[in-house]
Protein backbone atom coordinates (compact mmCIF):
# COMPACT_ATOMS: atom_id res chain seq x y z
CA UNK A 1 19.57 -54.91 1.14
CA UNK A 2 17.71 -55.82 4.37
CA UNK A 3 18.52 -52.45 5.77
CA UNK A 4 16.71 -50.68 3.02
CA UNK A 5 13.76 -53.05 3.15
CA UNK A 6 13.58 -52.33 6.76
CA UNK A 7 13.81 -48.55 6.48
CA UNK A 8 11.05 -48.95 3.94
CA UNK A 9 8.69 -50.88 6.49
CA UNK A 10 9.46 -48.30 9.01
CA UNK A 11 8.57 -45.38 6.77
CA UNK A 12 5.13 -47.06 5.09
CA UNK A 13 3.02 -46.51 8.46
CA UNK A 14 3.89 -43.15 8.43
CA UNK A 15 3.10 -42.55 4.77
CA UNK A 16 -0.22 -44.20 5.45
CA UNK A 17 -0.84 -42.21 8.26
CA UNK A 18 -0.04 -39.10 6.57
CA UNK A 19 -2.12 -39.98 3.39
CA UNK A 20 -5.37 -40.70 6.08
CA UNK A 21 -4.82 -37.59 7.93
CA UNK A 22 -4.81 -35.66 4.31
CA UNK A 23 -7.89 -37.73 3.47
CA UNK A 24 -9.66 -36.84 6.81
CA UNK A 25 -8.83 -32.97 6.88
CA UNK A 26 -9.90 -32.98 2.90
CA UNK A 27 -13.19 -34.60 4.19
CA UNK A 28 -13.69 -32.27 6.96
CA UNK A 29 -12.94 -28.92 4.91
CA UNK A 30 -16.26 -29.16 3.10
CA UNK A 31 -18.30 -29.64 6.29
CA UNK A 32 -16.12 -26.70 7.94
CA UNK A 33 -17.12 -24.42 4.70
CA UNK A 34 -20.50 -25.16 4.81
CA UNK A 35 -20.79 -24.31 8.21
CA UNK A 36 -18.95 -21.08 7.60
CA UNK A 37 -21.30 -20.40 4.43
CA UNK A 38 -24.28 -20.94 6.88
CA UNK A 39 -23.05 -18.59 9.30
CA UNK A 40 -22.48 -16.05 6.62
CA UNK A 41 -25.68 -15.97 5.37
CA UNK A 42 -26.98 -15.91 8.69
CA UNK A 43 -24.93 -12.71 9.36
CA UNK A 44 -26.50 -11.24 5.85
CA UNK A 45 -30.03 -12.16 6.88
CA UNK A 46 -29.68 -10.26 10.23
CA UNK A 47 -28.19 -7.22 8.54
CA UNK A 48 -31.19 -7.58 6.18
CA UNK A 49 -33.46 -7.38 9.29
CA UNK A 50 -31.56 -4.40 10.83
CA UNK A 51 -33.46 -1.76 8.79
CA UNK A 52 -36.90 -3.13 8.99
CA UNK A 53 -38.11 -1.72 12.20
CA UNK A 54 -37.49 1.79 12.33
CA UNK A 55 -34.18 1.47 10.98
CA UNK A 56 -33.00 -0.55 14.10
CA UNK A 57 -33.50 2.54 16.28
CA UNK A 58 -35.83 1.40 18.94
CA UNK A 59 -35.41 -0.49 22.27
CA UNK A 60 -36.89 -3.62 20.89
CA UNK A 61 -34.37 -3.78 17.81
CA UNK A 62 -31.45 -3.09 20.18
CA UNK A 63 -32.57 -5.98 22.37
CA UNK A 64 -32.87 -8.40 19.23
CA UNK A 65 -29.66 -7.08 17.60
CA UNK A 66 -27.87 -7.61 21.31
CA UNK A 67 -28.82 -11.30 21.08
CA UNK A 68 -28.41 -11.98 17.42
CA UNK A 69 -25.17 -10.36 16.28
CA UNK A 70 -23.15 -11.50 19.47
CA UNK A 71 -24.94 -14.89 19.33
CA UNK A 72 -23.62 -15.68 15.78
CA UNK A 73 -20.20 -14.82 17.04
CA UNK A 74 -20.29 -16.93 19.72
CA UNK A 75 -21.53 -19.79 17.65
CA UNK A 76 -18.32 -18.77 15.14
CA UNK A 77 -16.19 -19.18 18.23
CA UNK A 78 -17.54 -22.47 19.67
CA UNK A 79 -17.14 -23.80 15.94
CA UNK A 80 -13.59 -23.07 15.52
CA UNK A 81 -13.02 -24.31 19.20
CA UNK A 82 -14.64 -27.46 18.57
CA UNK A 83 -12.77 -27.84 14.94
CA UNK A 84 -9.39 -26.71 16.75
CA UNK A 85 -9.18 -24.17 13.79
CA UNK A 86 -7.40 -20.71 14.05
CA UNK A 87 -8.99 -17.55 12.96
CA UNK A 88 -8.93 -16.54 9.36
CA UNK A 89 -7.89 -13.26 10.42
CA UNK A 90 -5.71 -13.09 13.76
CA UNK A 91 -6.34 -10.14 15.90
CA UNK A 92 -2.51 -9.40 15.44
CA UNK A 93 -3.35 -7.79 12.12
CA UNK A 94 -5.21 -5.04 13.72
CA UNK A 95 -4.17 -5.39 17.21
CA UNK A 96 -3.91 -1.61 18.06
CA UNK A 97 -7.20 -1.14 17.01
CA UNK A 98 -8.32 -4.12 19.35
CA UNK A 99 -6.34 -2.92 22.29
CA UNK A 100 -7.85 0.76 21.89
CA UNK A 101 -11.39 -0.53 21.91
CA UNK A 102 -10.86 -3.06 24.93
CA UNK A 103 -9.55 0.12 26.83
CA UNK A 104 -12.62 2.24 25.86
CA UNK A 105 -14.86 -0.60 26.96
CA UNK A 106 -13.00 -0.91 30.30
CA UNK A 107 -13.52 2.73 30.72
CA UNK A 108 -17.21 2.78 30.04
CA UNK A 109 -17.71 -0.13 32.82
CA UNK A 110 -15.68 2.23 35.10
CA UNK A 111 -17.97 5.01 34.22
CA UNK A 112 -20.98 3.10 35.34
CA UNK A 113 -19.28 1.45 38.23
CA UNK A 114 -20.68 2.79 41.78
CA UNK A 115 -17.36 1.58 43.47
CA UNK A 116 -15.28 4.62 42.13
CA UNK A 117 -14.17 7.41 44.64
CA UNK A 118 -16.81 9.87 45.31
CA UNK A 119 -14.80 12.90 43.82
CA UNK A 120 -15.24 11.39 40.50
CA UNK A 121 -18.79 10.95 40.39
CA UNK A 122 -20.99 13.38 38.68
CA UNK A 123 -22.64 15.96 40.68
CA UNK A 124 -26.29 15.03 39.72
CA UNK A 125 -26.05 11.96 42.23
CA UNK A 126 -25.34 14.13 45.34
CA UNK A 127 -28.19 16.26 44.40
CA UNK A 128 -30.66 13.28 43.91
CA UNK A 129 -29.50 12.11 47.45
CA UNK A 130 -30.39 15.68 48.86
CA UNK A 131 -33.68 15.60 47.29
CA UNK A 132 -34.49 12.48 48.15
CA UNK A 133 -33.25 12.49 51.76
CA UNK A 134 -31.22 9.20 51.40
CA UNK A 135 -28.11 7.86 50.05
CA UNK A 136 -27.94 7.28 46.21
CA UNK A 137 -24.87 5.33 44.57
CA UNK A 138 -23.18 7.62 42.60
CA UNK A 139 -21.08 7.10 39.57
CA UNK A 140 -18.93 9.18 36.63
CA UNK A 141 -21.92 8.59 34.40
CA UNK A 142 -24.75 10.73 34.78
CA UNK A 143 -27.20 8.04 33.73
CA UNK A 144 -26.20 4.59 34.01
CA UNK A 145 -29.10 3.07 32.34
CA UNK A 146 -28.17 5.21 29.30
CA UNK A 147 -24.40 4.29 29.43
CA UNK A 148 -25.37 0.50 29.71
CA UNK A 149 -27.67 0.70 26.74
CA UNK A 150 -24.98 2.52 24.68
CA UNK A 151 -22.28 -0.08 25.76
CA UNK A 152 -24.65 -3.03 24.73
CA UNK A 153 -24.91 -1.25 21.25
CA UNK A 154 -21.17 -0.55 21.08
CA UNK A 155 -20.66 -4.26 21.60
CA UNK A 156 -23.13 -5.42 18.92
CA UNK A 157 -21.31 -3.39 16.35
CA UNK A 158 -18.04 -4.73 17.36
CA UNK A 159 -19.43 -8.37 17.06
CA UNK A 160 -20.69 -7.43 13.46
CA UNK A 161 -17.23 -6.48 12.70
CA UNK A 162 -15.47 -9.46 13.82
CA UNK A 163 -17.90 -11.85 12.19
CA UNK A 164 -17.43 -10.03 8.86
CA UNK A 165 -13.67 -9.78 9.07
CA UNK A 166 -13.32 -13.57 9.76
CA UNK A 167 -15.89 -14.77 7.23
CA UNK A 168 -15.01 -12.69 4.07
CA UNK A 169 -11.45 -13.60 4.56
CA UNK A 170 -12.49 -15.80 1.76
CA UNK A 171 -12.69 -13.60 -1.70
CA UNK A 172 -15.72 -15.48 -2.97
CA UNK A 173 -17.57 -14.77 0.26
CA UNK A 174 -16.39 -11.24 0.17
CA UNK A 175 -17.50 -10.60 -3.24
CA UNK A 176 -20.90 -12.36 -2.54
CA UNK A 177 -20.99 -10.01 0.75
CA UNK A 178 -20.89 -6.65 -1.35
CA UNK A 179 -23.43 -8.25 -3.83
CA UNK A 180 -25.71 -8.81 -1.00
CA UNK A 181 -25.36 -5.63 0.62
CA UNK A 182 -26.26 -4.20 -2.57
CA UNK A 183 -29.35 -6.22 -3.00
CA UNK A 184 -30.52 -5.46 0.60
CA UNK A 185 -30.03 -1.78 0.27
CA UNK A 186 -31.88 -1.85 -3.22
CA UNK A 187 -34.77 -3.84 -1.57
CA UNK A 188 -35.50 -1.07 0.98
CA UNK A 189 -34.89 1.61 -1.64
CA UNK A 190 -37.56 0.07 -3.93
CA UNK A 191 -40.15 -0.11 -0.78
CA UNK A 192 -39.23 3.55 -0.19
CA UNK A 193 -40.24 4.39 -3.62
CA UNK A 194 -43.51 2.36 -3.54
CA UNK A 195 -44.52 3.81 -0.27
CA UNK A 196 -43.60 7.18 -1.50
CA UNK A 197 -45.74 6.90 -4.81
CA UNK A 198 -48.63 5.58 -2.56
CA UNK A 199 -48.95 7.66 0.43
CA UNK A 200 -46.12 10.18 0.59
CA UNK A 201 -43.78 7.82 2.52
CA UNK A 202 -45.04 6.57 5.83
CA UNK A 203 -43.73 3.25 7.13
CA UNK A 204 -47.43 1.67 6.45
CA UNK A 205 -46.97 -1.37 8.83
CA UNK A 206 -45.65 0.54 11.76
CA UNK A 207 -47.95 3.43 11.68
CA UNK A 208 -47.59 6.97 10.31
CA UNK A 209 -44.12 7.75 11.81
CA UNK A 210 -42.23 9.01 8.66
CA UNK A 211 -41.96 12.10 7.04
CA UNK A 212 -44.67 13.10 4.52
CA UNK A 213 -43.27 14.13 1.16
CA UNK A 214 -39.82 12.78 1.13
CA UNK A 215 -38.88 9.07 0.65
CA UNK A 216 -37.97 7.31 4.20
CA UNK A 217 -38.55 3.69 3.70
CA UNK A 218 -38.67 1.91 6.92
CA UNK A 219 -36.80 4.81 8.76
CA UNK A 220 -38.26 7.59 10.69
CA UNK A 221 -35.69 9.91 9.50
CA UNK A 222 -35.01 10.68 5.85
CA UNK A 223 -31.51 11.55 6.72
CA UNK A 224 -30.70 8.21 8.25
CA UNK A 225 -32.22 6.53 5.24
CA UNK A 226 -30.00 8.55 2.76
CA UNK A 227 -26.93 7.49 4.27
CA UNK A 228 -28.15 3.72 4.28
CA UNK A 229 -28.75 4.18 0.41
CA UNK A 230 -25.66 5.98 0.02
CA UNK A 231 -23.82 2.88 1.29
CA UNK A 232 -25.76 0.74 -1.40
CA UNK A 233 -24.68 3.07 -3.99
CA UNK A 234 -21.38 3.01 -3.19
CA UNK A 235 -21.03 -0.77 -2.98
CA UNK A 236 -23.08 -0.96 -6.44
CA UNK A 237 -20.50 1.57 -8.19
CA UNK A 238 -17.44 -0.62 -6.84
CA UNK A 239 -19.04 -3.45 -8.22
CA UNK A 240 -19.82 -1.56 -11.49
CA UNK A 241 -16.19 -0.68 -11.75
CA UNK A 242 -14.79 -3.98 -10.97
CA UNK A 243 -17.13 -5.39 -13.82
CA UNK A 244 -15.39 -3.00 -16.13
CA UNK A 245 -12.14 -3.68 -14.96
CA UNK A 246 -12.40 -7.49 -15.55
CA UNK A 247 -14.84 -7.27 -18.81
CA UNK A 248 -13.75 -4.34 -20.87
CA UNK A 249 -10.83 -3.67 -23.10
CA UNK A 250 -9.62 -0.15 -22.75
CA UNK A 251 -6.22 -0.35 -23.27
CA UNK A 252 -5.81 -0.33 -26.97
CA UNK A 253 -8.02 -0.26 -30.10
CA UNK A 254 -9.71 2.96 -31.42
CA UNK A 255 -12.33 5.04 -29.58
CA UNK A 256 -15.41 3.10 -31.16
CA UNK A 257 -13.90 -0.13 -30.17
CA UNK A 258 -13.56 1.02 -26.51
CA UNK A 259 -17.26 1.99 -26.58
CA UNK A 260 -18.24 -1.20 -27.89
CA UNK A 261 -16.49 -2.93 -25.14
CA UNK A 262 -17.93 -0.84 -22.46
CA UNK A 263 -21.59 -1.27 -23.97
CA UNK A 264 -21.13 -4.87 -24.24
CA UNK A 265 -20.15 -5.13 -20.52
CA UNK A 266 -22.92 -3.07 -19.41
CA UNK A 267 -25.58 -4.76 -21.48
CA UNK A 268 -24.44 -8.26 -20.68
CA UNK A 269 -23.69 -8.29 -17.06
CA UNK A 270 -23.87 -4.88 -15.87
CA UNK A 271 -27.72 -4.08 -16.43
CA UNK A 272 -28.69 -5.04 -12.93
CA UNK A 273 -25.87 -3.07 -11.44
CA UNK A 274 -26.74 0.00 -13.32
CA UNK A 275 -30.37 -0.62 -12.69
CA UNK A 276 -29.83 -0.78 -8.87
CA UNK A 277 -27.75 2.24 -8.89
CA UNK A 278 -30.33 4.00 -10.59
CA UNK A 279 -33.04 3.02 -8.28
CA UNK A 280 -30.87 3.92 -5.21
CA UNK A 281 -29.81 7.41 -6.73
CA UNK A 282 -33.49 8.36 -7.10
CA UNK A 283 -34.29 7.33 -3.53
CA UNK A 284 -31.39 9.67 -2.03
CA UNK A 285 -32.74 12.44 -4.10
CA UNK A 286 -36.13 12.02 -3.17
CA UNK A 287 -35.35 11.95 0.48
CA UNK A 288 -34.33 15.71 0.31
CA UNK A 289 -31.42 15.19 2.72
CA UNK A 290 -28.48 17.78 1.94
CA UNK A 291 -26.02 15.77 4.01
CA UNK A 292 -26.93 12.64 2.77
CA UNK A 293 -26.46 13.55 -0.61
CA UNK A 294 -23.26 15.45 -0.25
CA UNK A 295 -21.76 12.81 1.81
CA UNK A 296 -22.70 10.07 -0.87
CA UNK A 297 -21.41 12.14 -3.52
CA UNK A 298 -17.90 12.40 -1.53
CA UNK A 299 -18.22 8.49 -0.93
CA UNK A 300 -18.39 8.06 -4.71
CA UNK A 301 -15.98 10.70 -5.43
CA UNK A 302 -13.09 8.87 -3.24
CA UNK A 303 -14.17 5.44 -5.02
CA UNK A 304 -13.34 6.94 -8.32
CA UNK A 305 -10.20 8.43 -6.90
CA UNK A 306 -9.01 5.08 -5.60
CA UNK A 307 -9.97 3.59 -8.91
CA UNK A 308 -8.07 5.87 -11.28
CA UNK A 309 -4.95 5.46 -8.60
CA UNK A 310 -5.10 1.89 -9.42
CA UNK A 311 -5.11 1.97 -13.13
CA UNK A 312 -1.26 2.52 -13.38
CA UNK A 313 -0.40 -0.63 -11.33
CA UNK A 314 0.19 -4.21 -12.59
CA UNK A 315 -2.49 -6.01 -14.38
CA UNK A 316 -5.02 -8.44 -12.24
CA UNK A 317 -4.31 -11.88 -13.44
CA UNK A 318 -3.75 -10.88 -17.02
CA UNK A 319 -6.68 -8.69 -17.32
CA UNK A 320 -6.21 -5.44 -18.50
CA UNK A 321 -6.16 -2.13 -16.21
CA UNK A 322 -8.08 0.38 -18.07
CA UNK A 323 -5.95 3.17 -19.60
CA UNK A 324 -6.17 7.01 -18.68
CA UNK A 325 -8.53 7.56 -21.80
CA UNK A 326 -10.53 4.35 -21.25
CA UNK A 327 -11.13 5.29 -17.57
CA UNK A 328 -12.40 8.64 -18.35
CA UNK A 329 -14.64 7.20 -21.02
CA UNK A 330 -16.13 5.15 -18.45
CA UNK A 331 -16.30 8.01 -15.92
CA UNK A 332 -17.70 10.24 -18.10
CA UNK A 333 -20.36 7.96 -19.16
CA UNK A 334 -21.16 7.63 -15.69
CA UNK A 335 -21.38 11.17 -14.63
CA UNK A 336 -23.66 11.80 -17.77
CA UNK A 337 -26.04 9.13 -16.29
CA UNK A 338 -25.85 10.76 -12.86
CA UNK A 339 -26.71 14.28 -14.20
CA UNK A 340 -29.67 12.98 -16.00
CA UNK A 341 -31.16 11.31 -13.06
CA UNK A 342 -30.44 14.63 -10.94
CA UNK A 343 -32.06 16.85 -13.42
CA UNK A 344 -35.26 14.70 -13.43
CA UNK A 345 -35.47 13.87 -9.77
CA UNK A 346 -33.55 16.60 -8.00
CA UNK A 347 -36.42 18.66 -7.08
CA UNK A 348 -36.91 17.44 -3.56
CA UNK A 349 -33.02 18.01 -2.87
CA UNK A 350 -32.68 21.09 -4.54
CA UNK A 351 -35.81 22.40 -3.00
CA UNK A 352 -34.81 21.77 0.48
CA UNK A 353 -31.44 23.27 -0.34
CA UNK A 354 -33.30 26.39 -1.63
CA UNK A 355 -35.38 26.53 1.40
CA UNK A 356 -33.05 25.75 4.46
CA UNK A 357 -29.51 26.53 2.59
CA UNK A 358 -26.40 24.70 3.66
CA UNK A 359 -25.88 25.77 7.07
CA UNK A 360 -28.53 25.51 10.35
CA UNK A 361 -27.87 28.39 12.77
CA UNK A 362 -29.86 26.30 15.26
CA UNK A 363 -27.46 23.36 14.94
CA UNK A 364 -24.23 25.35 15.03
CA UNK A 365 -25.88 26.75 18.52
CA UNK A 366 -26.10 23.16 19.62
CA UNK A 367 -22.33 22.51 18.68
CA UNK A 368 -21.48 25.21 20.65
CA UNK A 369 -23.41 24.19 23.58
CA UNK A 370 -22.12 20.77 23.41
CA UNK A 371 -18.28 22.01 23.11
CA UNK A 372 -19.00 23.99 26.12
CA UNK A 373 -20.25 20.82 28.09
CA UNK A 374 -16.98 18.96 26.86
CA UNK A 375 -14.46 21.67 28.34
CA UNK A 376 -16.47 21.55 31.60
CA UNK A 377 -15.44 17.72 32.03
CA UNK A 378 -12.81 16.81 29.39
CA UNK A 379 -10.92 13.86 31.15
CA UNK A 380 -14.05 11.83 32.53
CA UNK A 381 -16.79 12.67 30.40
CA UNK A 382 -20.41 12.29 31.35
CA UNK A 383 -20.73 8.57 30.63
CA UNK A 384 -21.02 7.04 27.16
CA UNK A 385 -24.45 7.57 25.71
CA UNK A 386 -25.76 10.28 28.00
CA UNK A 387 -26.16 13.28 25.92
CA UNK A 388 -29.98 13.30 26.36
CA UNK A 389 -29.74 14.01 29.85
CA UNK A 390 -26.32 16.12 30.06
CA UNK A 391 -27.44 18.71 27.15
CA UNK A 392 -30.37 20.09 29.07
CA UNK A 393 -27.70 21.10 32.14
CA UNK A 394 -25.97 23.45 29.64
CA UNK A 395 -28.70 24.53 27.23
CA UNK A 396 -29.39 28.21 26.90
CA UNK A 397 -31.24 30.76 24.86
CA UNK A 398 -28.97 30.55 21.94
CA UNK A 399 -31.33 27.90 20.47
CA UNK A 400 -35.01 27.65 20.16
CA UNK A 401 -37.19 26.78 23.31
CA UNK A 402 -39.28 24.08 21.96
CA UNK A 403 -38.00 20.66 21.31
CA UNK A 404 -36.00 17.73 22.85
CA UNK A 405 -32.44 17.24 21.74
CA UNK A 406 -31.47 13.53 21.99
CA UNK A 407 -28.57 13.56 19.72
CA UNK A 408 -25.98 16.17 19.07
CA UNK A 409 -26.15 15.79 15.13
CA UNK A 410 -22.51 15.44 15.58
CA UNK A 411 -21.29 11.94 16.41
CA UNK A 412 -17.69 12.98 17.29
CA UNK A 413 -18.72 15.74 19.73
CA UNK A 414 -21.08 13.36 21.39
CA UNK A 415 -18.31 10.80 21.67
CA UNK A 416 -16.05 13.28 23.24
CA UNK A 417 -18.86 14.45 25.77
CA UNK A 418 -19.53 10.82 26.80
CA UNK A 419 -16.12 9.43 26.99
CA UNK A 420 -13.89 12.38 27.58
CA UNK A 421 -11.22 13.20 25.30
CA UNK A 422 -8.96 10.76 25.84
CA UNK A 423 -10.92 7.51 25.61
CA UNK A 424 -13.25 9.53 22.78
CA UNK A 425 -9.97 9.92 20.85
CA UNK A 426 -9.16 6.23 21.39
CA UNK A 427 -12.68 5.14 20.15
CA UNK A 428 -12.43 7.01 16.88
CA UNK A 429 -8.78 5.90 16.51
CA UNK A 430 -9.59 2.36 16.85
CA UNK A 431 -12.04 2.66 13.75
CA UNK A 432 -9.84 5.05 12.01
CA UNK A 433 -6.73 2.64 11.88
CA UNK A 434 -9.17 0.05 10.25
CA UNK A 435 -10.27 2.65 7.65
CA UNK A 436 -6.55 3.32 7.03
CA UNK A 437 -5.85 -0.15 6.63
CA UNK A 438 -8.67 -0.66 3.99
CA UNK A 439 -7.03 2.50 2.31
CA UNK A 440 -3.74 0.82 2.16
CA UNK A 441 -5.43 -2.46 0.91
CA UNK A 442 -7.12 -0.25 -1.93
CA UNK A 443 -3.89 1.06 -3.37
CA UNK A 444 -2.58 -2.25 -4.02
CA UNK A 445 -3.97 -3.50 -7.11
CA UNK A 446 -4.57 -7.32 -6.50
CA UNK A 447 -7.60 -9.67 -6.66
CA UNK A 448 -9.76 -8.78 -3.91
CA UNK A 449 -9.14 -4.84 -4.16
CA UNK A 450 -12.81 -4.19 -4.76
CA UNK A 451 -13.83 -4.64 -1.07
CA UNK A 452 -11.23 -2.43 0.83
CA UNK A 453 -11.92 0.20 -1.94
CA UNK A 454 -15.69 -0.02 -1.33
CA UNK A 455 -15.01 0.10 2.58
CA UNK A 456 -12.79 3.22 2.51
CA UNK A 457 -15.09 5.02 0.33
CA UNK A 458 -18.20 3.95 2.66
CA UNK A 459 -16.08 5.05 5.61
CA UNK A 460 -15.44 8.54 4.12
CA UNK A 461 -19.15 8.69 3.31
CA UNK A 462 -20.36 7.93 6.99
CA UNK A 463 -17.71 9.83 8.65
CA UNK A 464 -18.43 13.10 6.83
CA UNK A 465 -22.20 12.75 7.36
CA UNK A 466 -21.45 11.97 11.33
CA UNK A 467 -20.28 15.60 11.19
CA UNK A 468 -23.66 16.92 10.57
CA UNK A 469 -26.04 14.51 11.83
CA UNK A 470 -26.19 11.22 13.89
CA UNK A 471 -26.83 8.45 11.17
CA UNK A 472 -23.92 6.36 12.93
CA UNK A 473 -26.00 5.98 16.00
CA UNK A 474 -28.80 4.40 14.00
CA UNK A 475 -28.34 0.66 14.16
CA UNK A 476 -29.09 -0.19 10.40
CA UNK A 477 -26.59 2.33 9.39
CA UNK A 478 -23.70 1.45 12.09
CA UNK A 479 -24.05 -2.40 11.54
CA UNK A 480 -24.07 -2.14 8.03
CA UNK A 481 -21.14 0.07 8.01
CA UNK A 482 -18.99 -2.20 10.72
CA UNK A 483 -19.89 -5.16 8.31
CA UNK A 484 -18.51 -3.52 5.20
CA UNK A 485 -15.42 -2.39 7.12
CA UNK A 486 -14.93 -5.51 8.45
CA UNK A 487 -15.09 -7.20 4.92
CA UNK A 488 -12.68 -4.37 3.81
CA UNK A 489 -10.21 -5.21 6.21
CA UNK A 490 -10.30 -8.84 5.71
CA UNK A 491 -9.49 -8.59 2.10
CA UNK A 492 -6.97 -5.72 2.88
CA UNK A 493 -4.59 -8.19 3.97
CA UNK A 494 -5.14 -10.59 0.93
CA UNK A 495 -4.98 -7.53 -1.57
CA UNK A 496 -1.43 -6.83 -0.28
CA UNK A 497 -0.21 -10.17 -0.87
CA UNK A 498 1.40 -10.61 -4.43
CA UNK A 499 -0.56 -13.00 -6.76
CA UNK A 500 2.48 -15.44 -7.14
CA UNK A 501 2.61 -15.82 -3.63
């Protein structure tokens, strides 16, 4: 008896301490959650700012973003350190991509270094020394300033991905994130239509630097705005499909019952989403961007394919997955709406197609010249981001005499030219593996599957458009894409976990 009482007395403080610890942790959890939500909305506010100043394609915007996004990432890391909390998503979950990215960053630093052996340096530095009559520090990079600037933009994009992948691990935040992206892009689309209707599209508060006769919103180039608008359209379509999955009954009943279920969901909760989709689709058509429209179409198709592939899997928390007939009914209704919009507002797009065709001989010649420059230095490259200085060295009479070529209109060729084949492939692979993770997450029908499905579809959109343009080199597009990709990767891990775990 005495022995049992003694044991109870010894255990009591431990129990009390454990209860106290639980109470302390439960009190700290809301505070920690509030800080994360604050950082989350700060991230969204920063993403909303990105397209404002020429789509982020300006030295001032690059500087602001280089402070803003890495600064938010640093604040988040300090917050975790002070709270002694682990990262919601550990680096081990995408460690191969992380290692490849770090290796590329180190290589860019080496390209810009002046302490590398002289035989590795670009010949332009020796030519500059001969012209000036004095020694000039050389490097692998043909222009160290451009390489430094490109590295800053690359690190800025990485910080956006890191923030998104950590803050969007929470399912409710991931859902709010996709909604916010749709709202932000819809806002810029609305401004683009207003500016187009009033004065044929100039960026009114920055001066007339836009293309007249097409929707450009705050961007200088209509093709780049078409890419951003395409990201918004894919996100909205993903939200619409999620709405139908969770709020319609298409697995049983008559045809009329299925139609009524779809109409009810559309009228009650989907009206705003359909309105935003209509708005963005109209703006994409009025940009007249061939590549932007075709890439957006591919993104929407990939989204639909992934959605169809999910319908045969298990239900999501008791909600019915659309049957084949129900899914086809939804897609046919959506395609009918798209066809109606294209027939009404597609004059700018089809007019551009009729005038310029699908191919561009001048751009193909630019690709050939860029490929020739890559074969001239396949391992070392010319320095990340130095295309503007390197291209004139190889320019010939196969392209028009007038004009300055600042980009290759093919992001992949430009990456290989700047980094060399090995490290260029490593940079592309680091992103490609993250996209693959989103595809795997989208293939598993679980709660949270919408984010990886949207991210995978957006990756196809921007990846294809990067073959014919340089939208990924515009920060508004690049940072938005990296944020969506981060949210998709964060939810990919969750979406692959069984619901009863």
